[in-house]
Amino acid sequence: MIWQDGKKDMAAEGGQLGAPTIVVQYTKTERSQFHDKNQSYTPLVHTTGKGSAIVLRDGKAFKAKWERESEDSGTTFTTMSGEPMNFAPGQVWVALASRKPVIP
């Protein structure tokens, strides 16, 4: 089940949002040249290269690695030992996260 900022993340139709597998993918994130209607800059998220992730499924958290060679290829997730990461059957949600705050 998903929580954001200490609150349940609720669907417009009611009920808390969630998925059988949720991946928190840590990426390099920086301020882009673009901004929103409040003049706050939007983040630029780099999803190519390599990095770490946390896979949440079956009530547990698993450390993982991710790799994506180019913008034209998919992302692969592996265990810390390099084996393919198993996901639960059903939806997989990927949340892109930065380990460092991005200055707005």
PDB file of N, CA and C in Angstrom:
ATOM      1  N   MET A   1       0.846  -1.177   0.000  1.00  0.00           N
ATOM      2  CA  MET A   1       0.000   0.000   0.000  1.00  0.00           C
ATOM      3  C   MET A   1       0.896   1.247   0.000  1.00  0.00           C
ATOM      4  N   ILE A   2       0.447   2.278  -0.683  1.00  0.00           N
ATOM      5  CA  ILE A   2       1.254   3.478  -0.865  1.00  0.00           C
ATOM      6  C   ILE A   2       0.895   4.548   0.163  1.00  0.00           C
ATOM      7  N   TRP A   3       1.952   5.141   0.734  1.00  0.00           N
ATOM      8  CA  TRP A   3       1.833   6.296   1.621  1.00  0.00           C
ATOM      9  C   TRP A   3       2.741   7.381   1.059  1.00  0.00           C
ATOM     10  N   GLN A   4       2.297   8.636   1.104  1.00  0.00           N
ATOM     11  CA  GLN A   4       3.133   9.766   0.698  1.00  0.00           C
ATOM     12  C   GLN A   4       3.029  10.857   1.748  1.00  0.00           C
ATOM     13  N   ASP A   5       4.172  11.342   2.183  1.00  0.00           N
ATOM     14  CA  ASP A   5       4.227  12.407   3.192  1.00  0.00           C
ATOM     15  C   ASP A   5       3.455  12.027   4.443  1.00  0.00           C
ATOM     16  N   GLY A   6       3.534  10.744   4.830  1.00  0.00           N
ATOM     17  CA  GLY A   6       2.901  10.283   6.056  1.00  0.00           C
ATOM     18  C   GLY A   6       1.402  10.047   5.961  1.00  0.00           C
ATOM     19  N   LYS A   7       0.840  10.119   4.750  1.00  0.00           N
ATOM     20  CA  LYS A   7      -0.605   9.929   4.565  1.00  0.00           C
ATOM     21  C   LYS A   7      -0.861   8.835   3.534  1.00  0.00           C
ATOM     22  N   LYS A   8      -1.966   8.119   3.702  1.00  0.00           N
ATOM     23  CA  LYS A   8      -2.351   7.118   2.716  1.00  0.00           C
ATOM     24  C   LYS A   8      -2.579   7.790   1.371  1.00  0.00           C
ATOM     25  N   ASP A   9      -2.064   7.188   0.306  1.00  0.00           N
ATOM     26  CA  ASP A   9      -2.297   7.684  -1.043  1.00  0.00           C
ATOM     27  C   ASP A   9      -3.580   7.032  -1.546  1.00  0.00           C
ATOM     28  N   MET A  10      -4.616   7.830  -1.700  1.00  0.00           N
ATOM     29  CA  MET A  10      -5.949   7.317  -1.988  1.00  0.00           C
ATOM     30  C   MET A  10      -6.314   7.518  -3.461  1.00  0.00           C
ATOM     31  N   ALA A  11      -7.028   6.551  -4.022  1.00  0.00           N
ATOM     32  CA  ALA A  11      -7.555   6.656  -5.378  1.00  0.00           C
ATOM     33  C   ALA A  11      -8.751   7.606  -5.381  1.00  0.00           C
ATOM     34  N   ALA A  12      -9.001   8.240  -6.523  1.00  0.00           N
ATOM     35  CA  ALA A  12     -10.138   9.144  -6.636  1.00  0.00           C
ATOM     36  C   ALA A  12     -11.448   8.404  -6.372  1.00  0.00           C
ATOM     37  N   GLU A  13     -11.493   7.123  -6.725  1.00  0.00           N
ATOM     38  CA  GLU A  13     -12.702   6.317  -6.531  1.00  0.00           C
ATOM     39  C   GLU A  13     -12.819   5.794  -5.102  1.00  0.00           C
ATOM     40  N   GLY A  14     -11.818   6.045  -4.276  1.00  0.00           N
ATOM     41  CA  GLY A  14     -11.795   5.524  -2.908  1.00  0.00           C
ATOM     42  C   GLY A  14     -10.861   4.337  -2.809  1.00  0.00           C
ATOM     43  N   GLY A  15     -10.375   4.068  -1.647  1.00  0.00           N
ATOM     44  CA  GLY A  15      -9.439   2.968  -1.432  1.00  0.00           C
ATOM     45  C   GLY A  15      -8.000   3.411  -1.579  1.00  0.00           C
ATOM     46  N   GLN A  16      -7.145   2.783  -0.829  1.00  0.00           N
ATOM     47  CA  GLN A  16      -5.728   3.127  -0.845  1.00  0.00           C
ATOM     48  C   GLN A  16      -5.044   2.500  -2.051  1.00  0.00           C
ATOM     49  N   LEU A  17      -4.156   3.274  -2.691  1.00  0.00           N
ATOM     50  CA  LEU A  17      -3.426   2.802  -3.856  1.00  0.00           C
ATOM     51  C   LEU A  17      -2.342   1.807  -3.450  1.00  0.00           C
ATOM     52  N   GLY A  18      -2.065   0.881  -4.326  1.00  0.00           N
ATOM     53  CA  GLY A  18      -1.009  -0.090  -4.077  1.00  0.00           C
ATOM     54  C   GLY A  18      -0.839  -1.001  -5.274  1.00  0.00           C
ATOM     55  N   ALA A  19       0.215  -1.795  -5.253  1.00  0.00           N
ATOM     56  CA  ALA A  19       0.506  -2.762  -6.314  1.00  0.00           C
ATOM     57  C   ALA A  19       1.223  -3.941  -5.681  1.00  0.00           C
ATOM     58  N   PRO A  20       1.170  -5.116  -6.318  1.00  0.00           N
ATOM     59  CA  PRO A  20       1.862  -6.280  -5.762  1.00  0.00           C
ATOM     60  C   PRO A  20       3.373  -6.072  -5.620  1.00  0.00           C
ATOM     61  N   THR A  21       3.973  -5.311  -6.545  1.00  0.00           N
ATOM     62  CA  THR A  21       5.401  -4.999  -6.471  1.00  0.00           C
ATOM     63  C   THR A  21       5.585  -3.507  -6.689  1.00  0.00           C
ATOM     64  N   ILE A  22       6.355  -2.893  -5.814  1.00  0.00           N
ATOM     65  CA  ILE A  22       6.719  -1.483  -5.963  1.00  0.00           C
ATOM     66  C   ILE A  22       8.231  -1.405  -5.924  1.00  0.00           C
ATOM     67  N   VAL A  23       8.810  -0.725  -6.910  1.00  0.00           N
ATOM     68  CA  VAL A  23      10.256  -0.557  -6.998  1.00  0.00           C
ATOM     69  C   VAL A  23      10.577   0.913  -6.752  1.00  0.00           C
ATOM     70  N   VAL A  24      11.450   1.177  -5.800  1.00  0.00           N
ATOM     71  CA  VAL A  24      11.980   2.527  -5.587  1.00  0.00           C
ATOM     72  C   VAL A  24      13.333   2.544  -6.280  1.00  0.00           C
ATOM     73  N   GLN A  25      13.405   3.238  -7.411  1.00  0.00           N
ATOM     74  CA  GLN A  25      14.618   3.278  -8.228  1.00  0.00           C
ATOM     75  C   GLN A  25      15.339   4.601  -7.956  1.00  0.00           C
ATOM     76  N   TYR A  26      16.532   4.518  -7.377  1.00  0.00           N
ATOM     77  CA  TYR A  26      17.305   5.718  -7.073  1.00  0.00           C
ATOM     78  C   TYR A  26      18.067   6.163  -8.316  1.00  0.00           C
ATOM     79  N   THR A  27      17.836   7.411  -8.712  1.00  0.00           N
ATOM     80  CA  THR A  27      18.412   7.961  -9.933  1.00  0.00           C
ATOM     81  C   THR A  27      19.136   9.265  -9.650  1.00  0.00           C
ATOM     82  N   LYS A  28      19.993   9.641 -10.577  1.00  0.00           N
ATOM     83  CA  LYS A  28      20.591  10.975 -10.512  1.00  0.00           C
ATOM     84  C   LYS A  28      19.503  11.958 -10.911  1.00  0.00           C
ATOM     85  N   THR A  29      19.248  12.945 -10.083  1.00  0.00           N
ATOM     86  CA  THR A  29      18.193  13.922 -10.324  1.00  0.00           C
ATOM     87  C   THR A  29      18.766  15.316 -10.111  1.00  0.00           C
ATOM     88  N   GLU A  30      18.472  16.199 -11.024  1.00  0.00           N
ATOM     89  CA  GLU A  30      18.949  17.582 -10.913  1.00  0.00           C
ATOM     90  C   GLU A  30      17.871  18.540 -11.394  1.00  0.00           C
ATOM     91  N   ARG A  31      18.092  19.796 -11.159  1.00  0.00           N
ATOM     92  CA  ARG A  31      17.138  20.807 -11.593  1.00  0.00           C
ATOM     93  C   ARG A  31      17.240  20.969 -13.104  1.00  0.00           C
ATOM     94  N   SER A  32      16.089  20.978 -13.790  1.00  0.00           N
ATOM     95  CA  SER A  32      16.083  21.172 -15.240  1.00  0.00           C
ATOM     96  C   SER A  32      15.948  22.661 -15.553  1.00  0.00           C
ATOM     97  N   GLN A  33      15.929  22.966 -16.830  1.00  0.00           N
ATOM     98  CA  GLN A  33      15.741  24.358 -17.261  1.00  0.00           C
ATOM     99  C   GLN A  33      14.267  24.756 -17.270  1.00  0.00           C
ATOM    100  N   PHE A  34      13.380  23.797 -17.046  1.00  0.00           N
ATOM    101  CA  PHE A  34      11.939  24.053 -17.130  1.00  0.00           C
ATOM    102  C   PHE A  34      11.355  24.336 -15.754  1.00  0.00           C
ATOM    103  N   HIS A  35      10.207  25.028 -15.743  1.00  0.00           N
ATOM    104  CA  HIS A  35       9.551  25.323 -14.473  1.00  0.00           C
ATOM    105  C   HIS A  35       8.038  25.210 -14.632  1.00  0.00           C
ATOM    106  N   ASP A  36       7.361  25.127 -13.489  1.00  0.00           N
ATOM    107  CA  ASP A  36       5.909  24.987 -13.513  1.00  0.00           C
ATOM    108  C   ASP A  36       5.242  26.357 -13.428  1.00  0.00           C
ATOM    109  N   LYS A  37       3.934  26.365 -13.293  1.00  0.00           N
ATOM    110  CA  LYS A  37       3.191  27.632 -13.285  1.00  0.00           C
ATOM    111  C   LYS A  37       3.517  28.501 -12.078  1.00  0.00           C
ATOM    112  N   ASN A  38       4.106  27.911 -11.028  1.00  0.00           N
ATOM    113  CA  ASN A  38       4.512  28.678  -9.843  1.00  0.00           C
ATOM    114  C   ASN A  38       5.973  29.092  -9.907  1.00  0.00           C
ATOM    115  N   GLN A  39       6.583  28.905 -11.077  1.00  0.00           N
ATOM    116  CA  GLN A  39       7.984  29.244 -11.329  1.00  0.00           C
ATOM    117  C   GLN A  39       8.975  28.352 -10.577  1.00  0.00           C
ATOM    118  N   SER A  40       8.527  27.220 -10.061  1.00  0.00           N
ATOM    119  CA  SER A  40       9.438  26.256  -9.444  1.00  0.00           C
ATOM    120  C   SER A  40      10.017  25.385 -10.554  1.00  0.00           C
ATOM    121  N   TYR A  41      11.308  25.155 -10.503  1.00  0.00           N
ATOM    122  CA  TYR A  41      11.941  24.319 -11.514  1.00  0.00           C
ATOM    123  C   TYR A  41      11.525  22.867 -11.346  1.00  0.00           C
ATOM    124  N   THR A  42      11.392  22.175 -12.459  1.00  0.00           N
ATOM    125  CA  THR A  42      11.032  20.762 -12.425  1.00  0.00           C
ATOM    126  C   THR A  42      12.304  19.923 -12.461  1.00  0.00           C
ATOM    127  N   PRO A  43      12.261  18.735 -11.886  1.00  0.00           N
ATOM    128  CA  PRO A  43      13.477  17.908 -11.863  1.00  0.00           C
ATOM    129  C   PRO A  43      13.743  17.239 -13.212  1.00  0.00           C
ATOM    130  N   LEU A  44      15.016  17.019 -13.481  1.00  0.00           N
ATOM    131  CA  LEU A  44      15.463  16.244 -14.624  1.00  0.00           C
ATOM    132  C   LEU A  44      16.001  14.936 -14.051  1.00  0.00           C
ATOM    133  N   VAL A  45      15.352  13.834 -14.394  1.00  0.00           N
ATOM    134  CA  VAL A  45      15.685  12.528 -13.827  1.00  0.00           C
ATOM    135  C   VAL A  45      16.429  11.718 -14.879  1.00  0.00           C
ATOM    136  N   HIS A  46      17.615  11.239 -14.528  1.00  0.00           N
ATOM    137  CA  HIS A  46      18.431  10.441 -15.436  1.00  0.00           C
ATOM    138  C   HIS A  46      18.151   8.960 -15.176  1.00  0.00           C
ATOM    139  N   THR A  47      17.544   8.305 -16.150  1.00  0.00           N
ATOM    140  CA  THR A  47      17.170   6.893 -15.980  1.00  0.00           C
ATOM    141  C   THR A  47      18.030   5.963 -16.827  1.00  0.00           C
ATOM    142  N   THR A  48      19.130   6.468 -17.362  1.00  0.00           N
ATOM    143  CA  THR A  48      20.080   5.601 -18.043  1.00  0.00           C
ATOM    144  C   THR A  48      21.307   5.470 -17.158  1.00  0.00           C
ATOM    145  N   GLY A  49      22.015   4.366 -17.327  1.00  0.00           N
ATOM    146  CA  GLY A  49      23.186   4.105 -16.493  1.00  0.00           C
ATOM    147  C   GLY A  49      22.918   2.959 -15.539  1.00  0.00           C
ATOM    148  N   LYS A  50      23.434   3.097 -14.325  1.00  0.00           N
ATOM    149  CA  LYS A  50      23.283   2.059 -13.305  1.00  0.00           C
ATOM    150  C   LYS A  50      22.970   2.707 -11.976  1.00  0.00           C
ATOM    151  N   GLY A  51      22.374   1.924 -11.078  1.00  0.00           N
ATOM    152  CA  GLY A  51      22.097   2.448  -9.753  1.00  0.00           C
ATOM    153  C   GLY A  51      21.511   1.387  -8.841  1.00  0.00           C
ATOM    154  N   SER A  52      21.044   1.842  -7.708  1.00  0.00           N
ATOM    155  CA  SER A  52      20.472   0.939  -6.712  1.00  0.00           C
ATOM    156  C   SER A  52      18.959   1.121  -6.656  1.00  0.00           C
ATOM    157  N   ALA A  53      18.299   0.132  -6.069  1.00  0.00           N
ATOM    158  CA  ALA A  53      16.842   0.164  -5.941  1.00  0.00           C
ATOM    159  C   ALA A  53      16.434  -0.645  -4.718  1.00  0.00           C
ATOM    160  N   ILE A  54      15.209  -0.431  -4.301  1.00  0.00           N
ATOM    161  CA  ILE A  54      14.581  -1.248  -3.260  1.00  0.00           C
ATOM    162  C   ILE A  54      13.304  -1.816  -3.878  1.00  0.00           C
ATOM    163  N   VAL A  55      13.137  -3.121  -3.801  1.00  0.00           N
ATOM    164  CA  VAL A  55      11.947  -3.776  -4.328  1.00  0.00           C
ATOM    165  C   VAL A  55      11.079  -4.180  -3.145  1.00  0.00           C
ATOM    166  N   LEU A  56       9.831  -3.708  -3.150  1.00  0.00           N
ATOM    167  CA  LEU A  56       8.876  -3.999  -2.084  1.00  0.00           C
ATOM    168  C   LEU A  56       7.847  -4.986  -2.607  1.00  0.00           C
ATOM    169  N   ARG A  57       7.794  -6.167  -1.993  1.00  0.00           N
ATOM    170  CA  ARG A  57       6.798  -7.168  -2.378  1.00  0.00           C
ATOM    171  C   ARG A  57       6.648  -8.180  -1.258  1.00  0.00           C
ATOM    172  N   ASP A  58       5.484  -8.756  -1.165  1.00  0.00           N
ATOM    173  CA  ASP A  58       5.208  -9.797  -0.162  1.00  0.00           C
ATOM    174  C   ASP A  58       5.503  -9.324   1.261  1.00  0.00           C
ATOM    175  N   GLY A  59       5.309  -8.031   1.522  1.00  0.00           N
ATOM    176  CA  GLY A  59       5.537  -7.493   2.858  1.00  0.00           C
ATOM    177  C   GLY A  59       7.005  -7.356   3.237  1.00  0.00           C
ATOM    178  N   LYS A  60       7.910  -7.460   2.270  1.00  0.00           N
ATOM    179  CA  LYS A  60       9.348  -7.382   2.537  1.00  0.00           C
ATOM    180  C   LYS A  60      10.004  -6.371   1.610  1.00  0.00           C
ATOM    181  N   ALA A  61      11.214  -5.934   1.987  1.00  0.00           N
ATOM    182  CA  ALA A  61      12.010  -5.027   1.162  1.00  0.00           C
ATOM    183  C   ALA A  61      13.292  -5.746   0.757  1.00  0.00           C
ATOM    184  N   PHE A  62      13.630  -5.671  -0.532  1.00  0.00           N
ATOM    185  CA  PHE A  62      14.805  -6.333  -1.070  1.00  0.00           C
ATOM    186  C   PHE A  62      15.714  -5.312  -1.739  1.00  0.00           C
ATOM    187  N   LYS A  63      17.009  -5.327  -1.410  1.00  0.00           N
ATOM    188  CA  LYS A  63      17.963  -4.476  -2.096  1.00  0.00           C
ATOM    189  C   LYS A  63      18.153  -5.003  -3.510  1.00  0.00           C
ATOM    190  N   ALA A  64      18.287  -4.087  -4.462  1.00  0.00           N
ATOM    191  CA  ALA A  64      18.437  -4.473  -5.865  1.00  0.00           C
ATOM    192  C   ALA A  64      19.342  -3.481  -6.587  1.00  0.00           C
ATOM    193  N   LYS A  65      19.711  -3.855  -7.799  1.00  0.00           N
ATOM    194  CA  LYS A  65      20.467  -2.983  -8.698  1.00  0.00           C
ATOM    195  C   LYS A  65      19.629  -2.802  -9.969  1.00  0.00           C
ATOM    196  N   TRP A  66      19.819  -1.670 -10.634  1.00  0.00           N
ATOM    197  CA  TRP A  66      19.158  -1.449 -11.916  1.00  0.00           C
ATOM    198  C   TRP A  66      20.194  -1.018 -12.941  1.00  0.00           C
ATOM    199  N   GLU A  67      19.858  -1.281 -14.217  1.00  0.00           N
ATOM    200  CA  GLU A  67      20.735  -0.877 -15.314  1.00  0.00           C
ATOM    201  C   GLU A  67      19.899  -0.628 -16.559  1.00  0.00           C
ATOM    202  N   ARG A  68      20.230   0.450 -17.250  1.00  0.00           N
ATOM    203  CA  ARG A  68      19.563   0.799 -18.517  1.00  0.00           C
ATOM    204  C   ARG A  68      20.611   1.434 -19.412  1.00  0.00           C
ATOM    205  N   GLU A  69      20.939   0.759 -20.507  1.00  0.00           N
ATOM    206  CA  GLU A  69      22.031   1.208 -21.368  1.00  0.00           C
ATOM    207  C   GLU A  69      21.714   2.486 -22.135  1.00  0.00           C
ATOM    208  N   SER A  70      20.479   2.605 -22.631  1.00  0.00           N
ATOM    209  CA  SER A  70      20.129   3.774 -23.437  1.00  0.00           C
ATOM    210  C   SER A  70      18.655   4.099 -23.253  1.00  0.00           C
ATOM    211  N   GLU A  71      18.253   5.251 -23.760  1.00  0.00           N
ATOM    212  CA  GLU A  71      16.851   5.652 -23.675  1.00  0.00           C
ATOM    213  C   GLU A  71      15.955   4.759 -24.520  1.00  0.00           C
ATOM    214  N   ASP A  72      16.537   4.014 -25.455  1.00  0.00           N
ATOM    215  CA  ASP A  72      15.767   3.123 -26.316  1.00  0.00           C
ATOM    216  C   ASP A  72      15.620   1.718 -25.737  1.00  0.00           C
ATOM    217  N   SER A  73      16.258   1.451 -24.607  1.00  0.00           N
ATOM    218  CA  SER A  73      16.202   0.109 -24.027  1.00  0.00           C
ATOM    219  C   SER A  73      15.434   0.120 -22.709  1.00  0.00           C
ATOM    220  N   GLY A  74      15.049  -1.063 -22.280  1.00  0.00           N
ATOM    221  CA  GLY A  74      14.341  -1.198 -21.013  1.00  0.00           C
ATOM    222  C   GLY A  74      15.312  -1.255 -19.841  1.00  0.00           C
ATOM    223  N   THR A  75      14.763  -1.154 -18.653  1.00  0.00           N
ATOM    224  CA  THR A  75      15.560  -1.233 -17.432  1.00  0.00           C
ATOM    225  C   THR A  75      15.524  -2.657 -16.909  1.00  0.00           C
ATOM    226  N   THR A  76      16.691  -3.161 -16.524  1.00  0.00           N
ATOM    227  CA  THR A  76      16.750  -4.484 -15.898  1.00  0.00           C
ATOM    228  C   THR A  76      17.016  -4.299 -14.412  1.00  0.00           C
ATOM    229  N   PHE A  77      16.390  -5.149 -13.616  1.00  0.00           N
ATOM    230  CA  PHE A  77      16.573  -5.136 -12.169  1.00  0.00           C
ATOM    231  C   PHE A  77      17.139  -6.486 -11.759  1.00  0.00           C
ATOM    232  N   THR A  78      18.191  -6.462 -10.951  1.00  0.00           N
ATOM    233  CA  THR A  78      18.828  -7.685 -10.485  1.00  0.00           C
ATOM    234  C   THR A  78      18.996  -7.636  -8.972  1.00  0.00           C
ATOM    235  N   THR A  79      19.206  -8.819  -8.405  1.00  0.00           N
ATOM    236  CA  THR A  79      19.531  -8.898  -6.981  1.00  0.00           C
ATOM    237  C   THR A  79      20.940  -8.358  -6.778  1.00  0.00           C
ATOM    238  N   MET A  80      21.344  -8.211  -5.545  1.00  0.00           N
ATOM    239  CA  MET A  80      22.688  -7.710  -5.252  1.00  0.00           C
ATOM    240  C   MET A  80      23.762  -8.663  -5.772  1.00  0.00           C
ATOM    241  N   SER A  81      23.424  -9.940  -5.918  1.00  0.00           N
ATOM    242  CA  SER A  81      24.379 -10.920  -6.443  1.00  0.00           C
ATOM    243  C   SER A  81      24.334 -11.036  -7.968  1.00  0.00           C
ATOM    244  N   GLY A  82      23.448 -10.261  -8.625  1.00  0.00           N
ATOM    245  CA  GLY A  82      23.402 -10.235 -10.081  1.00  0.00           C
ATOM    246  C   GLY A  82      22.362 -11.124 -10.725  1.00  0.00           C
ATOM    247  N   GLU A  83      21.566 -11.837  -9.929  1.00  0.00           N
ATOM    248  CA  GLU A  83      20.493 -12.674 -10.477  1.00  0.00           C
ATOM    249  C   GLU A  83      19.293 -11.792 -10.849  1.00  0.00           C
ATOM    250  N   PRO A  84      18.488 -12.206 -11.844  1.00  0.00           N
ATOM    251  CA  PRO A  84      17.285 -11.425 -12.173  1.00  0.00           C
ATOM    252  C   PRO A  84      16.387 -11.281 -10.940  1.00  0.00           C
ATOM    253  N   MET A  85      15.861 -10.083 -10.724  1.00  0.00           N
ATOM    254  CA  MET A  85      14.973  -9.821  -9.590  1.00  0.00           C
ATOM    255  C   MET A  85      13.589 -10.366  -9.909  1.00  0.00           C
ATOM    256  N   ASN A  86      13.008 -11.092  -8.975  1.00  0.00           N
ATOM    257  CA  ASN A  86      11.653 -11.617  -9.139  1.00  0.00           C
ATOM    258  C   ASN A  86      10.639 -10.588  -8.646  1.00  0.00           C
ATOM    259  N   PHE A  87       9.583 -10.396  -9.434  1.00  0.00           N
ATOM    260  CA  PHE A  87       8.482  -9.535  -9.053  1.00  0.00           C
ATOM    261  C   PHE A  87       7.254 -10.403  -8.809  1.00  0.00           C
ATOM    262  N   ALA A  88       6.356  -9.942  -7.963  1.00  0.00           N
ATOM    263  CA  ALA A  88       5.103 -10.656  -7.729  1.00  0.00           C
ATOM    264  C   ALA A  88       4.244 -10.571  -8.992  1.00  0.00           C
ATOM    265  N   PRO A  89       3.372 -11.547  -9.224  1.00  0.00           N
ATOM    266  CA  PRO A  89       2.464 -11.454 -10.376  1.00  0.00           C
ATOM    267  C   PRO A  89       1.596 -10.200 -10.267  1.00  0.00           C
ATOM    268  N   GLY A  90       1.323  -9.573 -11.390  1.00  0.00           N
ATOM    269  CA  GLY A  90       0.471  -8.383 -11.399  1.00  0.00           C
ATOM    270  C   GLY A  90       1.263  -7.119 -11.694  1.00  0.00           C
ATOM    271  N   GLN A  91       0.682  -5.998 -11.324  1.00  0.00           N
ATOM    272  CA  GLN A  91       1.280  -4.694 -11.609  1.00  0.00           C
ATOM    273  C   GLN A  91       2.620  -4.525 -10.900  1.00  0.00           C
ATOM    274  N   VAL A  92       3.507  -3.777 -11.559  1.00  0.00           N
ATOM    275  CA  VAL A  92       4.770  -3.342 -10.957  1.00  0.00           C
ATOM    276  C   VAL A  92       4.804  -1.827 -11.100  1.00  0.00           C
ATOM    277  N   TRP A  93       4.885  -1.146  -9.974  1.00  0.00           N
ATOM    278  CA  TRP A  93       5.006   0.310  -9.999  1.00  0.00           C
ATOM    279  C   TRP A  93       6.453   0.672  -9.721  1.00  0.00           C
ATOM    280  N   VAL A  94       6.988   1.622 -10.495  1.00  0.00           N
ATOM    281  CA  VAL A  94       8.345   2.102 -10.297  1.00  0.00           C
ATOM    282  C   VAL A  94       8.275   3.565  -9.870  1.00  0.00           C
ATOM    283  N   ALA A  95       8.833   3.850  -8.702  1.00  0.00           N
ATOM    284  CA  ALA A  95       8.916   5.226  -8.200  1.00  0.00           C
ATOM    285  C   ALA A  95      10.361   5.685  -8.347  1.00  0.00           C
ATOM    286  N   LEU A  96      10.576   6.751  -9.110  1.00  0.00           N
ATOM    287  CA  LEU A  96      11.919   7.290  -9.281  1.00  0.00           C
ATOM    288  C   LEU A  96      12.213   8.224  -8.121  1.00  0.00           C
ATOM    289  N   ALA A  97      13.358   8.007  -7.468  1.00  0.00           N
ATOM    290  CA  ALA A  97      13.692   8.777  -6.280  1.00  0.00           C
ATOM    291  C   ALA A  97      15.127   9.274  -6.358  1.00  0.00           C
ATOM    292  N   SER A  98      15.383  10.378  -5.683  1.00  0.00           N
ATOM    293  CA  SER A  98      16.719  10.948  -5.594  1.00  0.00           C
ATOM    294  C   SER A  98      17.211  10.795  -4.158  1.00  0.00           C
ATOM    295  N   ARG A  99      18.447  10.404  -3.996  1.00  0.00           N
ATOM    296  CA  ARG A  99      19.023  10.296  -2.649  1.00  0.00           C
ATOM    297  C   ARG A  99      19.354  11.672  -2.060  1.00  0.00           C
ATOM    298  N   LYS A 100      19.494  12.672  -2.933  1.00  0.00           N
ATOM    299  CA  LYS A 100      19.816  14.024  -2.483  1.00  0.00           C
ATOM    300  C   LYS A 100      18.655  14.949  -2.847  1.00  0.00           C
ATOM    301  N   PRO A 101      18.349  15.913  -2.000  1.00  0.00           N
ATOM    302  CA  PRO A 101      17.285  16.869  -2.357  1.00  0.00           C
ATOM    303  C   PRO A 101      17.658  17.670  -3.597  1.00  0.00           C
ATOM    304  N   VAL A 102      16.662  17.991  -4.389  1.00  0.00           N
ATOM    305  CA  VAL A 102      16.863  18.816  -5.591  1.00  0.00           C
ATOM    306  C   VAL A 102      16.374  20.210  -5.265  1.00  0.00           C
ATOM    307  N   ILE A 103      17.221  21.196  -5.477  1.00  0.00           N
ATOM    308  CA  ILE A 103      16.872  22.574  -5.165  1.00  0.00           C
ATOM    309  C   ILE A 103      15.813  23.051  -6.170  1.00  0.00           C
ATOM    310  N   PRO A 104      14.623  23.472  -5.676  1.00  0.00           N
ATOM    311  CA  PRO A 104      13.557  23.905  -6.596  1.00  0.00           C
ATOM    312  C   PRO A 104      13.882  25.178  -7.336  1.00  0.00           C
TER     313      PRO A 104
END
